[in-house]
Protein backbone atom coordinates (compact mmCIF):
# COMPACT_ATOMS: atom_id res chain seq x y z
CA UNK A 1 73.47 113.37 117.00
CA UNK A 2 75.70 111.01 119.02
CA UNK A 3 79.19 112.38 119.55
CA UNK A 4 81.97 109.20 119.97
CA UNK A 5 85.58 109.61 120.34
CA UNK A 6 88.32 106.61 120.84
CA UNK A 7 89.93 105.09 123.66
CA UNK A 8 92.69 104.54 121.10
CA UNK A 9 92.92 108.34 120.40
CA UNK A 10 96.41 108.49 121.18
CA UNK A 11 97.58 105.57 119.34
CA UNK A 12 97.17 107.92 116.24
CA UNK A 13 99.23 110.70 117.43
CA UNK A 14 102.83 109.30 116.78
CA UNK A 15 103.24 109.29 113.22
CA UNK A 16 101.80 106.10 112.05
CA UNK A 17 102.45 105.26 108.78
CA UNK A 18 99.64 103.52 106.44
CA UNK A 19 102.00 100.80 105.19
CA UNK A 20 104.36 100.47 108.63
CA UNK A 21 104.56 96.71 109.15
CA UNK A 22 104.57 96.84 113.01
CA UNK A 23 103.09 93.64 114.87
CA UNK A 24 100.57 93.77 117.59
CA UNK A 25 101.36 97.10 119.07
CA UNK A 26 97.89 98.63 118.43
CA UNK A 27 94.42 97.36 119.07
CA UNK A 28 92.00 96.60 116.30
CA UNK A 29 89.24 98.48 115.48
CA UNK A 30 86.25 96.33 113.71
CA UNK A 31 84.26 97.65 110.84
CA UNK A 32 80.86 97.90 112.63
CA UNK A 33 78.06 100.03 111.68
CA UNK A 34 77.39 101.06 115.36
CA UNK A 35 81.18 101.24 116.02
CA UNK A 36 81.51 102.32 119.65
CA UNK A 37 84.49 104.66 119.74
CA UNK A 38 85.71 106.00 116.75
CA UNK A 39 89.37 106.28 115.87
CA UNK A 40 90.99 109.79 115.08
CA UNK A 41 90.58 110.58 111.23
CA UNK A 42 93.91 110.12 109.99
CA UNK A 43 93.71 110.02 106.31
CA UNK A 44 94.92 107.00 104.88
CA UNK A 45 96.17 106.09 101.34
CA UNK A 46 92.50 105.79 100.22
CA UNK A 47 90.73 107.67 102.62
CA UNK A 48 87.23 108.56 101.30
CA UNK A 49 87.05 105.93 98.89
CA UNK A 50 87.31 102.25 100.23
CA UNK A 51 88.24 100.24 103.36
CA UNK A 52 91.96 100.00 103.84
CA UNK A 53 94.03 98.20 106.25
CA UNK A 54 96.11 100.75 107.73
CA UNK A 55 98.83 98.55 109.10
CA UNK A 56 99.19 94.69 108.97
CA UNK A 57 98.21 94.86 112.38
CA UNK A 58 95.32 97.11 112.47
CA UNK A 59 91.91 96.24 111.27
CA UNK A 60 90.18 97.68 107.96
CA UNK A 61 87.91 100.64 108.92
CA UNK A 62 84.99 101.79 106.68
CA UNK A 63 86.19 105.22 105.49
CA UNK A 64 83.83 105.57 102.60
CA UNK A 65 80.82 107.83 103.34
CA UNK A 66 77.87 108.44 101.45
CA UNK A 67 79.27 111.16 99.48
CA UNK A 68 78.50 111.07 95.57
CA UNK A 69 81.90 112.74 94.58
CA UNK A 70 84.95 110.87 95.43
CA UNK A 71 88.37 110.88 94.81
CA UNK A 72 90.29 108.00 93.04
CA UNK A 73 94.06 108.40 93.75
CA UNK A 74 96.53 108.51 90.57
CA UNK A 75 99.50 108.90 92.70
CA UNK A 76 100.94 109.88 96.40
CA UNK A 77 104.15 111.55 97.00
CA UNK A 78 105.92 111.58 100.48
CA UNK A 79 108.51 114.07 101.49
CA UNK A 80 110.59 113.71 104.63
CA UNK A 81 111.75 116.58 107.12
CA UNK A 82 115.21 117.29 107.38
CA UNK A 83 116.16 117.92 110.77
CA UNK A 84 119.68 119.45 109.63
CA UNK A 85 118.39 122.08 107.70
CA UNK A 86 114.96 122.50 109.39
CA UNK A 87 113.20 122.14 106.04
CA UNK A 88 111.46 119.77 103.86
CA UNK A 89 113.57 117.56 101.48
CA UNK A 90 113.83 118.63 97.92
CA UNK A 91 112.81 115.53 96.68
CA UNK A 92 109.94 112.97 97.67
CA UNK A 93 111.47 109.73 99.18
CA UNK A 94 108.32 107.70 98.57
CA UNK A 95 105.87 107.37 95.69
CA UNK A 96 102.69 105.22 95.20
CA UNK A 97 101.79 104.69 91.80
CA UNK A 98 100.24 103.46 89.95
CA UNK A 99 97.11 102.82 91.95
CA UNK A 100 94.22 100.72 90.52
CA UNK A 101 90.35 100.56 91.30
CA UNK A 102 87.47 98.00 90.78
CA UNK A 103 84.17 98.95 89.33
CA UNK A 104 82.75 99.77 92.70
CA UNK A 105 85.78 102.21 93.44
CA UNK A 106 87.66 99.74 95.59
CA UNK A 107 91.35 100.11 95.97
CA UNK A 108 92.58 96.73 94.11
CA UNK A 109 96.24 97.32 93.47
CA UNK A 110 99.25 99.84 94.31
CA UNK A 111 103.05 100.05 93.93
CA UNK A 112 105.16 101.70 96.20
CA UNK A 113 108.65 102.89 95.45
CA UNK A 114 111.56 104.47 97.20
CA UNK A 115 113.98 107.34 95.95
CA UNK A 116 117.68 105.93 95.89
CA UNK A 117 118.92 109.70 94.98
CA UNK A 118 118.84 108.72 91.27
CA UNK A 119 115.94 106.65 90.40
CA UNK A 120 112.80 105.16 91.67
CA UNK A 121 113.32 101.58 93.41
CA UNK A 122 110.66 99.21 93.95
CA UNK A 123 109.67 98.75 97.60
CA UNK A 124 106.06 97.07 97.90
CA UNK A 125 103.01 95.83 96.10
CA UNK A 126 99.69 95.71 97.67
CA UNK A 127 96.73 93.64 96.26
CA UNK A 128 93.18 93.79 97.80
CA UNK A 129 90.05 91.94 97.36
CA UNK A 130 86.44 92.61 98.58
CA UNK A 131 83.24 90.61 99.20
CA UNK A 132 79.87 91.50 97.43
CA UNK A 133 79.30 94.06 100.10
CA UNK A 134 82.37 95.78 99.25
CA UNK A 135 83.81 94.86 102.70
CA UNK A 136 87.82 94.27 102.08
CA UNK A 137 88.51 90.35 102.66
CA UNK A 138 92.22 90.17 101.79
CA UNK A 139 95.41 92.42 101.73
CA UNK A 140 98.39 90.63 99.89
CA UNK A 141 101.67 92.24 100.09
CA UNK A 142 104.89 91.77 98.28
CA UNK A 143 108.41 93.12 98.82
CA UNK A 144 111.35 93.99 96.35
CA UNK A 145 114.46 91.85 97.01
CA UNK A 146 116.52 93.70 94.70
CA UNK A 147 115.77 91.66 91.84
CA UNK A 148 112.32 90.28 92.05
CA UNK A 149 109.19 90.28 93.97
CA UNK A 150 108.47 87.87 96.79
CA UNK A 151 105.58 87.09 99.19
CA UNK A 152 105.88 89.01 102.29
CA UNK A 153 102.20 88.85 104.24
CA UNK A 154 98.63 88.36 103.75
CA UNK A 155 95.67 89.40 105.83
CA UNK A 156 92.34 87.84 105.57
CA UNK A 157 89.10 88.99 107.04
CA UNK A 158 85.57 87.35 107.51
CA UNK A 159 82.31 89.08 108.23
CA UNK A 160 78.72 88.33 109.67
CA UNK A 161 75.43 88.76 107.95
CA UNK A 162 75.39 92.32 109.26
CA UNK A 163 78.79 93.10 107.69
CA UNK A 164 80.70 93.07 110.91
CA UNK A 165 84.04 92.10 111.07
CA UNK A 166 84.13 88.75 113.05
CA UNK A 167 87.51 87.31 112.31
CA UNK A 168 90.80 89.01 110.94
CA UNK A 169 94.20 86.79 110.76
CA UNK A 170 97.73 87.76 109.63
CA UNK A 171 99.96 85.40 107.97
CA UNK A 172 103.82 85.60 106.90
CA UNK A 173 105.36 84.13 104.04
CA UNK A 174 107.88 81.36 104.96
CA UNK A 175 109.37 80.77 101.79
CA UNK A 176 107.28 77.71 100.68
CA UNK A 177 104.26 78.51 102.44
CA UNK A 178 101.83 80.87 104.36
CA UNK A 179 102.28 80.78 108.21
CA UNK A 180 99.83 82.06 110.60
CA UNK A 181 100.86 84.83 113.05
CA UNK A 182 98.20 86.07 115.05
CA UNK A 183 94.41 86.68 114.83
CA UNK A 184 91.68 88.82 116.21
CA UNK A 185 88.05 87.57 116.95
CA UNK A 186 85.16 89.78 117.60
CA UNK A 187 81.74 89.66 119.05
CA UNK A 188 78.72 91.86 118.79
CA UNK A 189 75.58 92.40 120.65
CA UNK A 190 71.98 92.69 118.96
CA UNK A 191 72.55 96.39 117.98
CA UNK A 192 75.83 95.32 116.22
CA UNK A 193 77.67 97.15 118.86
CA UNK A 194 81.08 95.75 119.29
CA UNK A 195 81.41 93.81 122.55
CA UNK A 196 84.29 91.76 122.49
CA UNK A 197 88.08 91.08 120.90
CA UNK A 198 89.84 88.21 121.65
CA UNK A 199 93.63 88.25 120.52
CA UNK A 200 95.65 84.98 119.53
CA UNK A 201 98.96 84.17 118.39
CA UNK A 202 99.83 81.22 116.56
CA UNK A 203 102.20 78.53 118.18
CA UNK A 204 103.13 75.40 116.77
CA UNK A 205 99.94 74.04 115.53
CA UNK A 206 97.16 75.90 117.48
CA UNK A 207 96.07 79.29 118.27
CA UNK A 208 97.09 80.50 121.85
CA UNK A 209 94.91 83.17 123.51
CA UNK A 210 96.93 85.98 124.73
CA UNK A 211 94.56 88.98 125.58
CA UNK A 212 90.78 89.96 125.50
CA UNK A 213 88.96 93.10 125.68
CA UNK A 214 85.08 93.37 126.67
CA UNK A 215 82.73 96.62 126.08
CA UNK A 216 79.49 97.26 127.38
CA UNK A 217 76.68 99.93 126.42
CA UNK A 218 73.96 102.00 127.72
CA UNK A 219 70.41 102.16 126.26
CA UNK A 220 71.64 104.86 123.64
CA UNK A 221 74.37 102.56 122.32
CA UNK A 222 77.09 104.63 124.12
CA UNK A 223 79.68 102.59 125.11
CA UNK A 224 80.21 103.03 129.12
CA UNK A 225 83.03 100.62 129.96
CA UNK A 226 85.73 98.50 128.62
CA UNK A 227 87.94 96.06 130.23
CA UNK A 228 91.22 94.99 128.95
CA UNK A 229 92.70 91.41 130.30
CA UNK A 230 95.86 88.96 129.60
CA UNK A 231 95.76 85.23 129.98
CA UNK A 232 98.22 84.33 132.68
CA UNK A 233 98.76 80.41 132.51
CA UNK A 234 94.93 79.33 132.34
CA UNK A 235 93.54 82.42 134.07
CA UNK A 236 92.16 85.76 132.58
CA UNK A 237 94.09 88.45 134.78
CA UNK A 238 92.55 92.07 135.09
CA UNK A 239 94.86 94.75 133.48
CA UNK A 240 93.18 97.97 132.66
CA UNK A 241 89.57 99.07 132.82
CA UNK A 242 87.86 102.53 131.62
CA UNK A 243 84.39 104.06 132.26
CA UNK A 244 82.99 106.52 129.81
CA UNK A 245 80.63 109.28 130.74
CA UNK A 246 78.15 111.27 128.44
CA UNK A 247 75.72 114.23 128.86
CA UNK A 248 72.11 114.45 128.06
CA UNK A 249 72.73 114.89 124.35
CA UNK A 250 74.99 111.58 124.44
CA UNK A 251 78.19 113.49 123.88
CA UNK A 252 81.29 111.95 125.44
CA UNK A 253 82.49 114.47 128.28
CA UNK A 254 84.96 112.26 130.14
CA UNK A 255 86.28 108.75 130.93
CA UNK A 256 88.26 107.29 133.74
CA UNK A 257 90.78 104.45 133.48
CA UNK A 258 92.28 102.43 136.26
CA UNK A 259 94.81 99.79 136.49
CA UNK A 260 94.82 96.57 138.56
CA UNK A 261 97.39 96.10 141.25
CA UNK A 262 96.58 92.39 141.91
CA UNK A 263 93.72 93.09 144.61
CA UNK A 264 91.82 96.34 143.76
CA UNK A 265 91.72 98.83 140.64
CA UNK A 266 93.82 102.08 141.06
CA UNK A 267 93.28 105.34 139.15
CA UNK A 268 95.28 105.42 136.23
CA UNK A 269 94.19 108.45 134.10
CA UNK A 270 91.32 110.48 133.22
CA UNK A 271 90.27 112.36 129.96
CA UNK A 272 87.81 115.37 129.82
CA UNK A 273 86.26 116.56 126.44
CA UNK A 274 85.36 119.91 125.75
CA UNK A 275 83.08 121.01 122.86
CA UNK A 276 82.29 124.36 121.11
CA UNK A 277 78.73 125.96 120.53
CA UNK A 278 78.23 123.59 117.73
CA UNK A 279 78.92 120.64 119.87
CA UNK A 280 81.90 119.78 118.11
CA UNK A 281 85.20 118.79 119.83
CA UNK A 282 87.88 121.36 120.48
CA UNK A 283 90.00 119.88 123.36
CA UNK A 284 91.08 116.60 124.82
CA UNK A 285 92.80 116.59 128.06
CA UNK A 286 94.16 114.05 129.69
CA UNK A 287 95.47 113.67 133.37
CA UNK A 288 97.39 110.97 135.11
CA UNK A 289 97.11 110.07 138.74
CA UNK A 290 100.40 110.68 140.44
CA UNK A 291 101.34 111.19 144.13
CA UNK A 292 97.50 111.00 145.11
CA UNK A 293 96.27 113.78 142.74
CA UNK A 294 95.13 114.07 139.05
CA UNK A 295 98.08 115.89 137.05
CA UNK A 296 98.13 117.21 133.50
CA UNK A 297 99.84 114.68 131.14
CA UNK A 298 98.68 115.71 127.62
CA UNK A 299 96.27 117.64 125.43
CA UNK A 300 94.90 117.52 122.03
CA UNK A 301 93.62 120.72 120.42
CA UNK A 302 91.31 119.95 117.27
CA UNK A 303 90.62 122.47 114.49
CA UNK A 304 87.24 120.70 113.22
CA UNK A 305 85.82 123.32 111.01
CA UNK A 306 84.76 120.35 108.78
CA UNK A 307 83.57 118.26 111.66
CA UNK A 308 86.33 115.84 111.32
CA UNK A 309 89.47 114.99 113.16
CA UNK A 310 91.96 115.54 110.42
CA UNK A 311 93.41 118.56 112.14
CA UNK A 312 94.91 118.60 115.47
CA UNK A 313 97.70 119.57 117.54
CA UNK A 314 98.91 117.32 120.46
CA UNK A 315 100.82 119.05 123.54
CA UNK A 316 102.34 117.69 126.50
CA UNK A 317 102.71 118.87 130.13
CA UNK A 318 106.26 120.06 131.21
CA UNK A 319 105.35 120.68 134.69
CA UNK A 320 105.09 124.52 134.02
CA UNK A 321 103.31 124.76 130.83
CA UNK A 322 102.35 123.21 127.46
CA UNK A 323 104.60 121.94 124.82
CA UNK A 324 103.89 121.16 121.19
CA UNK A 325 104.65 117.31 120.77
CA UNK A 326 102.84 116.27 117.54
CA UNK A 327 100.92 117.80 114.72
CA UNK A 328 98.61 116.73 112.08
CA UNK A 329 97.31 119.16 109.15
CA UNK A 330 95.66 118.37 106.17
CA UNK A 331 94.32 120.35 103.56
CA UNK A 332 91.11 119.96 100.90
CA UNK A 333 90.01 120.91 97.63
CA UNK A 334 86.65 122.96 97.21
CA UNK A 335 84.79 119.61 97.32
CA UNK A 336 86.14 118.69 100.58
CA UNK A 337 88.69 116.02 99.09
CA UNK A 338 91.99 115.44 100.65
CA UNK A 339 94.96 116.75 98.75
CA UNK A 340 97.87 117.09 101.45
CA UNK A 341 98.86 115.54 104.95
CA UNK A 342 101.46 116.83 106.98
CA UNK A 343 102.73 114.81 110.27
CA UNK A 344 105.33 116.47 112.48
CA UNK A 345 106.82 115.29 115.76
CA UNK A 346 108.70 117.34 118.20
CA UNK A 347 111.25 116.79 121.20
CA UNK A 348 109.75 116.92 124.74
CA UNK A 349 110.59 120.60 124.94
CA UNK A 350 108.57 121.33 121.69
CA UNK A 351 111.43 123.19 120.55
CA UNK A 352 112.72 121.15 117.58
CA UNK A 353 111.01 119.08 115.01
CA UNK A 354 112.49 115.57 114.97
CA UNK A 355 110.14 113.87 112.67
CA UNK A 356 107.99 114.84 109.72
CA UNK A 357 106.30 113.56 106.67
CA UNK A 358 104.45 115.50 104.13
CA UNK A 359 102.09 113.53 101.79
CA UNK A 360 100.54 114.89 98.54
CA UNK A 361 97.74 113.09 96.90
CA UNK A 362 97.08 113.53 93.23
CA UNK A 363 93.44 112.07 91.93
CA UNK A 364 90.71 112.48 89.66
CA UNK A 365 87.02 112.43 90.89
CA UNK A 366 84.27 110.39 89.98
CA UNK A 367 80.48 110.31 91.21
CA UNK A 368 79.84 107.52 93.45
CA UNK A 369 76.23 106.75 92.45
CA UNK A 370 76.43 103.24 92.90
CA UNK A 371 76.95 103.86 96.68
CA UNK A 372 74.10 105.95 96.86
CA UNK A 373 71.76 103.62 94.72
CA UNK A 374 72.79 100.90 97.28
CA UNK A 375 71.65 102.58 100.63
CA UNK A 376 68.59 102.05 102.17
CA UNK A 377 65.75 104.75 101.68
CA UNK A 378 65.29 106.84 104.48
CA UNK A 379 63.18 109.70 103.30
CA UNK A 380 59.54 109.80 101.90
CA UNK A 381 59.01 111.20 98.20
CA UNK A 382 55.93 110.95 96.33
CA UNK A 383 54.11 110.45 93.86
CA UNK A 384 56.54 108.25 92.58
CA UNK A 385 56.56 107.72 89.68
CA UNK A 386 55.96 111.44 89.24
CA UNK A 387 55.61 113.62 86.06
CA UNK A 388 56.42 117.10 87.22
CA UNK A 389 55.92 117.69 91.11
CA UNK A 390 57.86 115.84 93.61
CA UNK A 391 57.18 116.10 97.45
CA UNK A 392 60.11 115.41 99.69
CA UNK A 393 59.13 115.08 103.23
CA UNK A 394 62.27 116.06 105.54
CA UNK A 395 61.62 114.67 109.08
CA UNK A 396 65.04 115.62 110.45
CA UNK A 397 65.31 117.87 113.40
CA UNK A 398 67.46 120.18 111.08
CA UNK A 399 65.69 121.70 108.16
CA UNK A 400 68.52 123.70 106.88
CA UNK A 401 69.34 120.78 104.39
CA UNK A 402 70.53 120.35 100.87
CA UNK A 403 68.50 118.31 98.43
CA UNK A 404 70.63 116.71 95.40
CA UNK A 405 69.26 114.92 92.54
CA UNK A 406 71.37 112.49 90.33
CA UNK A 407 70.78 110.60 87.28
CA UNK A 408 71.56 106.95 87.40
CA UNK A 409 74.78 107.82 85.47
CA UNK A 410 75.87 109.97 88.59
CA UNK A 411 75.08 113.32 86.66
CA UNK A 412 74.06 116.15 89.15
CA UNK A 413 70.69 117.41 87.76
CA UNK A 414 68.80 119.41 90.46
CA UNK A 415 70.47 120.82 93.68
CA UNK A 416 68.75 123.56 96.41
CA UNK A 417 68.34 124.33 99.86
CA UNK A 418 65.23 122.77 101.99
CA UNK A 419 64.00 124.88 104.63
CA UNK A 420 60.76 123.43 105.51
CA UNK A 421 59.81 119.71 106.69
CA UNK A 422 57.72 119.40 103.26
CA UNK A 423 59.26 120.58 99.92
CA UNK A 424 57.97 120.17 96.64
CA UNK A 425 60.68 120.28 93.51
CA UNK A 426 59.37 120.58 89.75
CA UNK A 427 61.19 117.63 87.97
CA UNK A 428 59.43 118.30 84.88
CA UNK A 429 62.48 119.17 83.02
CA UNK A 430 64.09 115.75 83.70
CA UNK A 431 64.12 113.16 81.02
CA UNK A 432 62.03 110.01 81.80
CA UNK A 433 64.04 107.52 83.83
CA UNK A 434 65.29 106.46 87.41
CA UNK A 435 66.99 109.17 89.83
CA UNK A 436 68.55 109.18 92.89
CA UNK A 437 67.70 111.82 95.62
CA UNK A 438 70.14 112.64 98.48
CA UNK A 439 69.30 115.03 101.48
CA UNK A 440 72.25 116.29 103.52
CA UNK A 441 71.43 118.06 106.59
CA UNK A 442 75.13 118.65 107.67
CA UNK A 443 74.96 115.55 110.05
CA UNK A 444 73.78 112.69 108.11
CA UNK A 445 72.74 111.80 104.45
CA UNK A 446 69.33 110.25 103.39
CA UNK A 447 68.48 108.93 100.18
CA UNK A 448 65.55 107.95 97.95
CA UNK A 449 64.97 106.77 94.44
CA UNK A 450 62.28 107.88 92.19
CA UNK A 451 61.18 107.45 88.71
CA UNK A 452 60.42 110.29 86.25
CA UNK A 453 57.74 109.44 83.61
């Protein structure tokens, strides 16, 4: 299984808010099936249920997986860290509620309010729309001016026939009309790998190009290079390029970045990735080129017991040792659904927390049988239809898999482990109808449909 990590990995390490309205500070990541380098999994307000814009400047990332049980958030509360008492404030400062979803469990509306010491006060409203593929097409934001809601910004996204994001643009409300601000345009290769990004700003009556990124891949669809350029007058000038190295198992093991000095490429930074015995990343060490040699700069320590990047600690090199700088910690319930997230920033010495945000999620669960039913069938089951015995052929390399059978209404009917490449299950007890079969081997999920006669 290919292990991939982002070039933008450090961009998530500074307490980014899912509703921050920062502009053009972070490169966009498109919603591609073969996304080159993935971002760190900083759970957002609707992580695990639908696609969401993390900020008005960042592109939606598909967070929904093929998971039958998903969380639909009812409310979200945020607490701030009090740097004077060195403790969490007793009352939350931000509330997100109510939160609404459509029939496909896509987030459609949410209201945010802040606590003024006495009552909750309106802050922002968000409205989302989706296309037939459940890809987010618009985000519409209103802000509270003290007495009424007024338009603030909107984000519009377009996709190609493969559901890859092709265009994303941001507009601001100017009192009577929407005005373009910036846009991103994306390119892909025949394997749906993200190959290019063009950034443009709106000036007067036309889009003006400002920056572009170009990405290349090897035969295994691993990203091997990235090149960042900016437009100077009418010429594209080099800025930064990176190269990525993989081992025989397609794990990313190191990367090198260079900056352009006007004549040639100069060493800038390098990253070394370390994995445990299960090929799960546990360390990300960054060094910078200084004084003709590589010197430590930062490292990220992952606690990836759940095979995600939702718990990690960032440390910076002080010259004599490592000092804690940033920490993200999450908790999950027995079903692996996110219940809380804590983010802490520290001073350069690592001795004091300078900023902290604690988020608690309250939700109810539903079975996303619609998502399962929409998946392409990737395992072989027969006979189909069947009256009693159903044979499942598990051709994955990992035979230690779990098979689950759901009714079309989403009820779990049968669940058992599979230890062989071919397994027979007696479905005689099931009533007549259509069923969804899900096979999970710990790395990927495959589905099939069958009819019980």
